[in-house]
Protein backbone atom coordinates (compact mmCIF):
# COMPACT_ATOMS: atom_id res chain seq x y z
CA MET A 1 -318.62 68.48 -71.31
CA THR A 2 -314.76 69.40 -70.79
CA ALA A 3 -312.70 70.99 -73.70
CA THR A 4 -309.17 71.87 -74.30
CA VAL A 5 -307.29 73.51 -76.92
CA PHE A 6 -303.87 72.94 -77.53
CA ARG A 7 -302.24 75.53 -79.48
CA ASN A 8 -298.91 76.48 -81.29
CA ALA A 9 -297.50 72.83 -81.48
CA ARG A 10 -295.91 70.99 -84.16
CA VAL A 11 -298.63 68.34 -84.73
CA VAL A 12 -297.41 64.78 -85.59
CA LEU A 13 -300.00 63.53 -87.84
CA ALA A 14 -299.89 60.14 -89.59
CA ASP A 15 -298.50 61.26 -92.74
CA GLN A 16 -297.54 65.08 -92.14
CA VAL A 17 -296.26 67.46 -89.50
CA VAL A 18 -298.38 70.46 -89.18
CA HIS A 19 -297.73 73.45 -87.09
CA GLY A 20 -301.20 74.12 -85.66
CA SER A 21 -303.46 72.97 -82.43
CA VAL A 22 -305.88 70.55 -81.45
CA ALA A 23 -308.96 70.30 -79.59
CA THR A 24 -310.04 67.89 -77.40
CA ARG A 25 -313.62 67.19 -76.17
CA ASP A 26 -314.72 64.27 -73.69
CA GLY A 27 -311.74 62.67 -73.83
CA LEU A 28 -311.85 62.55 -77.32
CA ILE A 29 -309.80 64.43 -80.41
CA ALA A 30 -312.31 67.03 -81.85
CA SER A 31 -310.48 68.97 -84.18
CA ILE A 32 -307.03 69.85 -85.79
CA ASP A 33 -306.61 73.09 -87.08
CA SER A 34 -303.43 75.31 -88.85
CA GLY A 35 -302.20 78.30 -87.46
CA SER A 36 -300.33 78.89 -83.62
CA GLY A 37 -303.93 80.34 -82.37
CA GLU A 38 -304.53 82.40 -79.67
CA VAL A 39 -306.51 80.72 -77.10
CA GLY A 40 -305.78 77.70 -75.41
CA HIS A 41 -302.64 75.49 -73.82
CA ASP A 42 -299.57 77.31 -75.72
CA MET A 43 -297.13 74.19 -76.21
CA GLN A 44 -294.42 76.45 -76.89
CA GLY A 45 -293.90 74.82 -80.63
CA ASP A 46 -293.20 71.91 -79.15
CA PHE A 47 -294.38 68.30 -80.86
CA LEU A 48 -297.68 67.23 -80.18
CA LEU A 49 -297.49 63.29 -80.51
CA PRO A 50 -299.96 60.44 -79.90
CA GLY A 51 -300.11 58.80 -77.12
CA LEU A 52 -297.23 55.79 -77.31
CA VAL A 53 -298.95 52.30 -77.66
CA GLU A 54 -296.38 49.83 -76.08
CA ILE A 55 -297.10 46.06 -76.95
CA HIS A 56 -293.82 44.49 -75.57
CA THR A 57 -291.98 45.69 -72.09
CA ASP A 58 -290.65 43.85 -69.38
CA ASN A 59 -290.42 46.83 -67.45
CA PHE A 60 -292.83 45.63 -64.70
CA GLU A 61 -291.61 42.12 -64.34
CA ARG A 62 -287.81 43.90 -63.62
CA HIS A 63 -289.57 46.04 -61.05
CA LEU A 64 -290.89 42.71 -59.59
CA MET A 65 -288.15 41.12 -59.42
CA PRO A 66 -285.16 44.12 -59.18
CA ARG A 67 -282.35 41.58 -58.56
CA PRO A 68 -282.36 37.63 -59.24
CA LYS A 69 -284.44 36.18 -56.93
CA VAL A 70 -285.42 39.07 -54.79
CA GLN A 71 -289.54 39.38 -55.48
CA TRP A 72 -290.53 43.14 -54.44
CA ALA A 73 -294.44 43.65 -53.35
CA GLU A 74 -296.63 43.96 -56.21
CA MET A 75 -298.32 47.48 -55.77
CA PRO A 76 -295.05 49.52 -55.53
CA ALA A 77 -293.73 47.85 -58.25
CA LEU A 78 -296.53 48.37 -60.49
CA LEU A 79 -297.02 52.46 -59.53
CA ALA A 80 -293.38 52.75 -60.11
CA HIS A 81 -293.66 50.71 -63.43
CA ASP A 82 -296.76 52.88 -64.24
CA ALA A 83 -295.06 56.44 -63.69
CA GLU A 84 -292.02 55.35 -65.64
CA VAL A 85 -294.04 54.30 -68.79
CA ALA A 86 -296.32 57.48 -68.52
CA ALA A 87 -293.08 59.56 -67.96
CA ALA A 88 -291.73 57.73 -71.32
CA GLY A 89 -294.76 58.86 -73.11
CA ILE A 90 -296.52 55.85 -73.25
CA THR A 91 -300.76 55.89 -72.36
CA THR A 92 -301.46 52.40 -73.48
CA VAL A 93 -299.26 49.73 -71.90
CA PHE A 94 -298.94 45.97 -72.64
CA ASP A 95 -297.83 44.60 -69.54
CA ALA A 96 -295.60 41.29 -70.57
CA LEU A 97 -295.69 38.72 -68.27
CA GLY A 98 -293.72 35.55 -68.83
CA VAL A 99 -295.03 32.59 -67.99
CA GLY A 100 -292.74 29.23 -67.43
CA ASP A 101 -289.63 28.06 -66.09
CA ALA A 102 -288.83 25.49 -64.55
CA ASP A 103 -286.85 27.37 -61.72
CA PRO A 104 -289.92 27.51 -58.61
CA ASP A 105 -287.54 30.49 -57.29
CA SER A 106 -287.98 32.65 -60.73
CA LEU A 107 -290.77 35.62 -61.63
CA ARG A 108 -291.84 33.28 -64.68
CA GLY A 109 -291.84 30.33 -62.34
CA SER A 110 -294.41 31.43 -59.90
CA THR A 111 -298.13 32.36 -59.65
CA TRP A 112 -299.58 35.48 -61.23
CA HIS A 113 -302.51 35.92 -58.93
CA GLY A 114 -301.85 38.72 -56.35
CA VAL A 115 -300.25 40.71 -59.66
CA LEU A 116 -302.87 40.18 -61.45
CA ASP A 117 -305.57 41.65 -58.71
CA THR A 118 -303.06 44.39 -58.11
CA ILE A 119 -303.45 45.92 -61.64
CA ASP A 120 -307.17 45.88 -61.35
CA THR A 121 -307.20 47.23 -57.81
CA CYS A 122 -305.24 50.08 -59.22
CA ALA A 123 -307.13 50.63 -62.25
CA ARG A 124 -310.47 50.70 -60.37
CA GLU A 125 -309.04 53.50 -57.75
CA GLY A 126 -307.91 55.52 -60.48
CA LEU A 127 -304.24 55.14 -59.56
CA LEU A 128 -302.92 54.59 -62.84
CA ARG A 129 -301.39 57.01 -65.54
CA ALA A 130 -301.54 54.84 -68.26
CA ASP A 131 -304.09 52.60 -70.03
CA HIS A 132 -302.71 48.84 -68.86
CA HIS A 133 -303.33 45.52 -71.14
CA LEU A 134 -301.95 42.10 -70.68
CA HIS A 135 -299.64 40.38 -72.98
CA VAL A 136 -298.74 36.91 -71.64
CA ARG A 137 -295.58 35.22 -72.83
CA CYS A 138 -295.86 31.98 -73.04
CA GLU A 139 -292.64 29.64 -72.56
CA LEU A 140 -293.22 26.50 -74.46
CA PRO A 141 -290.82 24.06 -73.57
CA ALA A 142 -291.44 24.90 -69.67
CA PRO A 143 -293.50 21.86 -67.73
CA ASN A 144 -295.59 24.23 -65.93
CA THR A 145 -296.40 27.11 -68.66
CA ILE A 146 -300.04 26.06 -69.11
CA ASP A 147 -300.79 25.64 -65.27
CA LEU A 148 -298.71 29.05 -64.52
CA PHE A 149 -301.27 30.32 -67.41
CA GLU A 150 -304.41 29.30 -65.51
CA PRO A 151 -305.04 32.83 -63.98
CA PHE A 152 -305.05 34.83 -67.32
CA HIS A 153 -308.48 32.68 -68.34
CA GLY A 154 -310.89 35.32 -69.32
CA HIS A 155 -309.31 38.26 -67.57
CA GLN A 156 -310.56 41.35 -69.75
CA ARG A 157 -307.03 42.91 -69.81
CA LEU A 158 -305.54 40.10 -72.00
CA SER A 159 -304.97 41.15 -75.16
CA LEU A 160 -302.01 39.45 -76.46
CA ILE A 161 -300.46 36.45 -76.50
CA SER A 162 -296.72 35.11 -77.73
CA LEU A 163 -295.05 32.18 -78.28
CA MET A 164 -291.78 31.35 -76.89
CA ASP A 165 -288.58 29.11 -77.16
CA HIS A 166 -285.59 30.36 -75.77
CA THR A 167 -283.81 26.91 -75.94
CA PRO A 168 -280.23 27.77 -76.98
CA GLY A 169 -279.29 26.90 -80.85
CA GLN A 170 -282.16 28.24 -82.34
CA ARG A 171 -284.37 31.66 -82.69
CA GLN A 172 -282.84 34.40 -80.15
CA TRP A 173 -279.58 32.17 -79.15
CA GLU A 174 -278.84 30.25 -82.64
CA ASP A 175 -275.48 31.16 -81.80
CA ILE A 176 -274.64 29.09 -78.67
CA GLU A 177 -271.50 31.48 -77.40
CA GLN A 178 -274.11 34.68 -77.26
CA ALA A 179 -276.52 32.20 -75.35
CA ARG A 180 -273.36 31.80 -72.58
CA VAL A 181 -272.67 35.42 -72.49
CA TYR A 182 -276.30 36.16 -71.28
CA TYR A 183 -276.88 33.28 -69.18
CA THR A 184 -273.29 33.49 -67.54
CA GLY A 185 -273.14 37.40 -67.04
CA LYS A 186 -276.63 38.49 -66.23
CA LYS A 187 -278.15 35.63 -64.41
CA GLY A 188 -274.70 34.33 -62.79
CA TRP A 189 -274.28 31.18 -63.79
CA SER A 190 -271.04 29.00 -63.73
CA LEU A 191 -270.21 27.56 -67.50
CA GLU A 192 -270.82 24.12 -65.73
CA LYS A 193 -274.73 24.89 -64.86
CA PHE A 194 -275.13 26.76 -68.47
CA LEU A 195 -273.64 23.63 -70.24
CA HIS A 196 -276.49 21.07 -68.05
CA GLN A 197 -279.06 23.54 -68.64
CA VAL A 198 -278.47 23.76 -72.48
CA GLU A 199 -278.76 19.72 -72.36
CA TRP A 200 -282.17 19.50 -70.30
CA ALA A 201 -283.50 22.33 -72.19
CA ALA A 202 -283.02 20.36 -75.68
CA GLU A 203 -284.84 17.76 -73.52
CA LEU A 204 -287.74 19.75 -72.44
CA GLN A 205 -288.13 21.42 -75.58
CA ALA A 206 -288.74 17.62 -77.35
CA ARG A 207 -291.58 16.94 -74.39
CA TYR A 208 -293.39 19.72 -73.87
CA ALA A 209 -293.08 22.57 -76.98
CA GLU A 210 -295.21 21.28 -79.33
CA PRO A 211 -298.32 20.43 -76.95
CA HIS A 212 -298.27 23.53 -75.53
CA ARG A 213 -297.77 25.58 -78.99
CA GLN A 214 -301.14 23.87 -79.82
CA TYR A 215 -302.75 24.78 -76.65
CA PHE A 216 -302.28 28.48 -76.78
CA VAL A 217 -302.88 28.68 -80.61
CA ASP A 218 -306.31 26.94 -80.02
CA HIS A 219 -307.06 29.38 -76.92
CA CYS A 220 -306.23 32.30 -78.90
CA ARG A 221 -308.49 31.18 -81.72
CA GLU A 222 -311.32 30.58 -79.02
CA HIS A 223 -311.11 33.75 -77.44
CA SER A 224 -310.12 35.99 -79.91
CA ILE A 225 -306.73 37.06 -78.54
CA ALA A 226 -304.18 38.48 -80.89
CA LEU A 227 -301.42 36.18 -81.15
CA ALA A 228 -297.58 36.92 -81.74
CA SER A 229 -294.54 34.24 -82.79
CA HIS A 230 -291.22 35.24 -81.06
CA ASP A 231 -287.96 35.54 -82.66
CA ASP A 232 -288.49 33.87 -85.61
CA THR A 233 -285.41 33.20 -87.76
CA THR A 234 -286.10 31.29 -90.73
CA GLU A 235 -289.02 31.47 -93.37
CA ALA A 236 -290.61 28.28 -92.04
CA HIS A 237 -290.65 29.93 -88.50
CA VAL A 238 -293.13 32.74 -90.32
CA VAL A 239 -295.11 30.26 -92.11
CA GLN A 240 -296.16 28.34 -89.26
CA ALA A 241 -296.70 31.32 -86.84
CA HIS A 242 -298.90 32.73 -90.04
CA SER A 243 -300.68 29.61 -90.40
CA GLU A 244 -301.87 29.66 -86.76
CA GLY A 245 -303.33 32.83 -87.07
CA ALA A 246 -300.48 35.32 -85.82
CA SER A 247 -300.31 38.37 -86.38
CA VAL A 248 -297.07 40.07 -85.34
CA SER A 249 -293.95 39.02 -85.64
CA GLU A 250 -291.61 39.80 -82.99
CA PHE A 251 -287.87 40.50 -82.63
CA PRO A 252 -287.26 38.36 -86.15
CA THR A 253 -283.48 37.67 -85.66
CA THR A 254 -282.88 37.27 -89.90
CA VAL A 255 -284.05 39.63 -92.68
CA VAL A 256 -285.11 36.33 -94.30
CA ALA A 257 -287.67 36.05 -91.41
CA ALA A 258 -288.72 39.67 -91.64
CA LYS A 259 -289.30 39.61 -95.39
CA ALA A 260 -291.53 36.44 -95.10
CA ALA A 261 -293.32 37.78 -92.17
CA ARG A 262 -294.08 40.91 -94.96
CA ALA A 263 -295.02 38.86 -97.66
CA ARG A 264 -297.86 37.20 -95.12
CA GLY A 265 -299.00 40.62 -93.70
CA LEU A 266 -297.66 40.34 -90.33
CA PHE A 267 -296.53 43.28 -88.29
CA THR A 268 -292.75 43.21 -87.46
CA VAL A 269 -291.49 44.35 -84.13
CA MET A 270 -288.20 44.90 -83.47
CA GLY A 271 -286.92 46.89 -80.25
CA GLY A 272 -286.13 50.45 -79.09
CA PRO A 273 -283.04 49.65 -77.37
CA ASN A 274 -281.60 47.54 -80.44
CA VAL A 275 -281.96 51.03 -82.36
CA VAL A 276 -280.28 53.06 -80.11
CA ARG A 277 -277.62 50.75 -79.39
CA GLY A 278 -277.10 50.21 -83.30
CA GLY A 279 -277.44 46.37 -82.98
CA SER A 280 -278.65 43.61 -81.66
CA HIS A 281 -277.50 42.67 -77.93
CA SER A 282 -278.05 38.89 -79.34
CA GLY A 283 -275.89 39.54 -82.26
CA ASN A 284 -278.90 38.91 -84.48
CA VAL A 285 -280.20 41.33 -87.10
CA ALA A 286 -280.36 45.46 -86.36
CA ALA A 287 -283.61 47.28 -86.37
CA ALA A 288 -282.38 49.88 -88.29
CA GLU A 289 -281.20 47.55 -90.86
CA LEU A 290 -284.91 46.21 -91.08
CA ALA A 291 -286.38 49.46 -91.11
CA ARG A 292 -284.15 51.06 -94.23
CA MET A 293 -285.53 47.75 -96.06
CA GLY A 294 -288.86 49.13 -95.31
CA LEU A 295 -289.50 46.02 -92.89
CA LEU A 296 -290.15 47.74 -89.47
CA ASP A 297 -293.36 48.29 -88.47
CA ILE A 298 -293.64 48.39 -84.97
CA LEU A 299 -290.96 49.46 -82.00
CA SER A 300 -291.15 47.94 -78.97
CA SER A 301 -289.17 49.48 -75.49
CA ASP A 302 -288.36 46.05 -74.48
CA TYR A 303 -286.57 46.57 -71.34
CA VAL A 304 -286.22 50.32 -71.67
CA PRO A 305 -289.34 52.31 -71.69
CA GLY A 306 -287.30 55.66 -72.80
CA SER A 307 -286.32 54.01 -75.86
CA LEU A 308 -289.51 54.65 -77.85
CA LEU A 309 -288.67 58.27 -78.47
CA SER A 310 -285.13 57.88 -78.30
CA ALA A 311 -285.17 55.11 -81.28
CA VAL A 312 -287.84 57.68 -83.09
CA VAL A 313 -285.33 60.69 -83.28
CA ARG A 314 -282.20 58.06 -84.22
CA LEU A 315 -284.48 56.73 -87.01
CA VAL A 316 -285.38 60.61 -88.18
CA ASN A 317 -281.64 61.91 -87.84
CA ASP A 318 -280.15 59.50 -89.60
CA GLY A 319 -282.39 59.68 -92.36
CA ILE A 320 -284.18 56.37 -92.39
CA LEU A 321 -287.41 57.60 -91.80
CA ASP A 322 -289.55 60.44 -91.75
CA MET A 323 -290.65 61.91 -88.24
CA PRO A 324 -294.88 60.81 -89.04
CA SER A 325 -293.59 57.27 -90.36
CA ALA A 326 -291.20 56.98 -86.71
CA VAL A 327 -294.16 57.94 -84.86
CA ASN A 328 -296.02 55.45 -86.29
CA THR A 329 -293.76 52.89 -85.66
CA VAL A 330 -294.91 53.17 -81.71
CA SER A 331 -298.31 54.65 -82.22
CA ARG A 332 -300.49 53.82 -84.64
CA ASN A 333 -299.11 50.73 -86.06
CA PRO A 334 -299.06 48.64 -82.89
CA ALA A 335 -302.67 49.62 -81.88
CA LYS A 336 -303.57 48.59 -85.30
CA ALA A 337 -301.63 45.13 -84.64
CA CYS A 338 -303.74 44.59 -81.56
CA GLY A 339 -307.25 45.96 -82.64
CA LEU A 340 -307.26 48.93 -80.75
CA ASN A 341 -308.89 51.08 -83.37
CA ASP A 342 -309.81 53.74 -80.97
CA ARG A 343 -306.33 55.42 -80.60
CA GLY A 344 -302.70 55.76 -81.74
CA GLU A 345 -302.70 58.90 -83.67
CA ILE A 346 -304.04 62.23 -83.76
CA ALA A 347 -307.36 62.29 -85.62
CA PRO A 348 -310.92 63.45 -85.05
CA GLY A 349 -313.03 61.11 -83.21
CA LEU A 350 -310.06 59.38 -81.79
CA ARG A 351 -308.83 59.18 -77.87
CA ALA A 352 -307.29 62.68 -77.06
CA ASP A 353 -303.79 60.67 -75.95
CA LEU A 354 -301.16 63.17 -76.27
CA VAL A 355 -297.91 63.85 -75.58
CA GLN A 356 -296.06 67.21 -75.72
CA MET A 357 -292.27 66.44 -76.73
CA ARG A 358 -289.32 68.68 -76.96
CA LEU A 359 -286.14 67.91 -78.90
CA VAL A 360 -283.11 69.37 -76.89
CA LYS A 361 -279.69 69.49 -78.41
CA LEU A 362 -277.19 68.02 -76.58
CA PRO A 363 -273.30 69.25 -75.75
CA ASN A 364 -272.29 66.73 -78.81
CA GLY A 365 -274.51 67.87 -81.11
CA GLN A 366 -276.93 64.76 -80.66
CA GLN A 367 -280.42 65.30 -79.92
CA GLN A 368 -282.69 64.13 -77.36
CA ALA A 369 -286.35 63.94 -76.89
CA VAL A 370 -288.21 65.49 -73.62
CA VAL A 371 -291.48 64.22 -72.74
CA ARG A 372 -292.88 67.76 -70.75
CA SER A 373 -296.62 66.52 -70.63
CA VAL A 374 -298.48 63.48 -71.10
CA TRP A 375 -302.77 63.20 -71.53
CA ARG A 376 -304.62 60.31 -71.63
CA GLU A 377 -308.03 60.24 -72.47
CA GLY A 378 -307.80 64.44 -72.40
CA GLN A 379 -306.89 64.28 -68.71
CA ARG A 380 -303.36 65.12 -67.74
CA VAL A 381 -300.92 62.25 -66.00
CA LEU A 382 -297.81 63.90 -66.27
């Protein structure tokens, strides 16, 4: 029997912050007591948070392809990604892997067999700090999406599927000019190539989007996999996703879509970088605006793992959410959205996934969240 006590901590519970101690036993939280205590691991007055649950991060893909058309070896990429998310306080991570791209040299136009084998091998050998799940992002207009999904069939780590359509002129890229800036800037496309791709994308959408959408909706129903919509812009987008069984609305681009998601009981996900930067890089609705309106349920780190805690601190310091509510967006709520009922908050009987966090005051007067230690199922991983 393995038991540990964490004392003298500001323990962030689902609805309050208490000064006290947390006892763990055999990987689970055994009890929570008030007072500083005299025995156990001294947290020095730091915050003790539940381990963060990240359901949408492109960070693994970034390590697999650190530069356009430069593919990195799977194991070092995975280990670097795993270390980075753990250092950000993430103890459960849904590796978001995209399937579907007409460009065979792109990461999302390639097969994922080697990556999946690497995740399983590293987990089996005890090399991973975080608990890794799979979130497959399906690009509906791509001709090869269903073929590239094949290695995920029946995979035990597959817990979430999202339906994407990045055709310029709608959803995330409703503003064509924003799409042009992104593709010519980040991907280095010429204006001529961008205009050609816009025209071609519309043709692919008309041919493939609807039959592919039905395929993945049916797959989620048949295999009891959580389904997410992506970049909902209109109420009609949300109504369709809800009718198909979606439980999550990722990155709604308008207040209208976010309100429609709330009305139908979908969890609304917004990006941590959106909060930290003060707005969307695509020119869409700001996450903080949705939070002020009570329409934000979950924060995703998207492309910056460390943005989760930075966003939590920003929401608290700006008076938008209190500390427990802000922490719930990166722990309790994402766990519930994906059916992980054994984690996500500090409560007796749940997994002892814990994060020691200190707030450091910077010279400019702002605060920075610093992760000092991380435990997963009672075992220290950082």
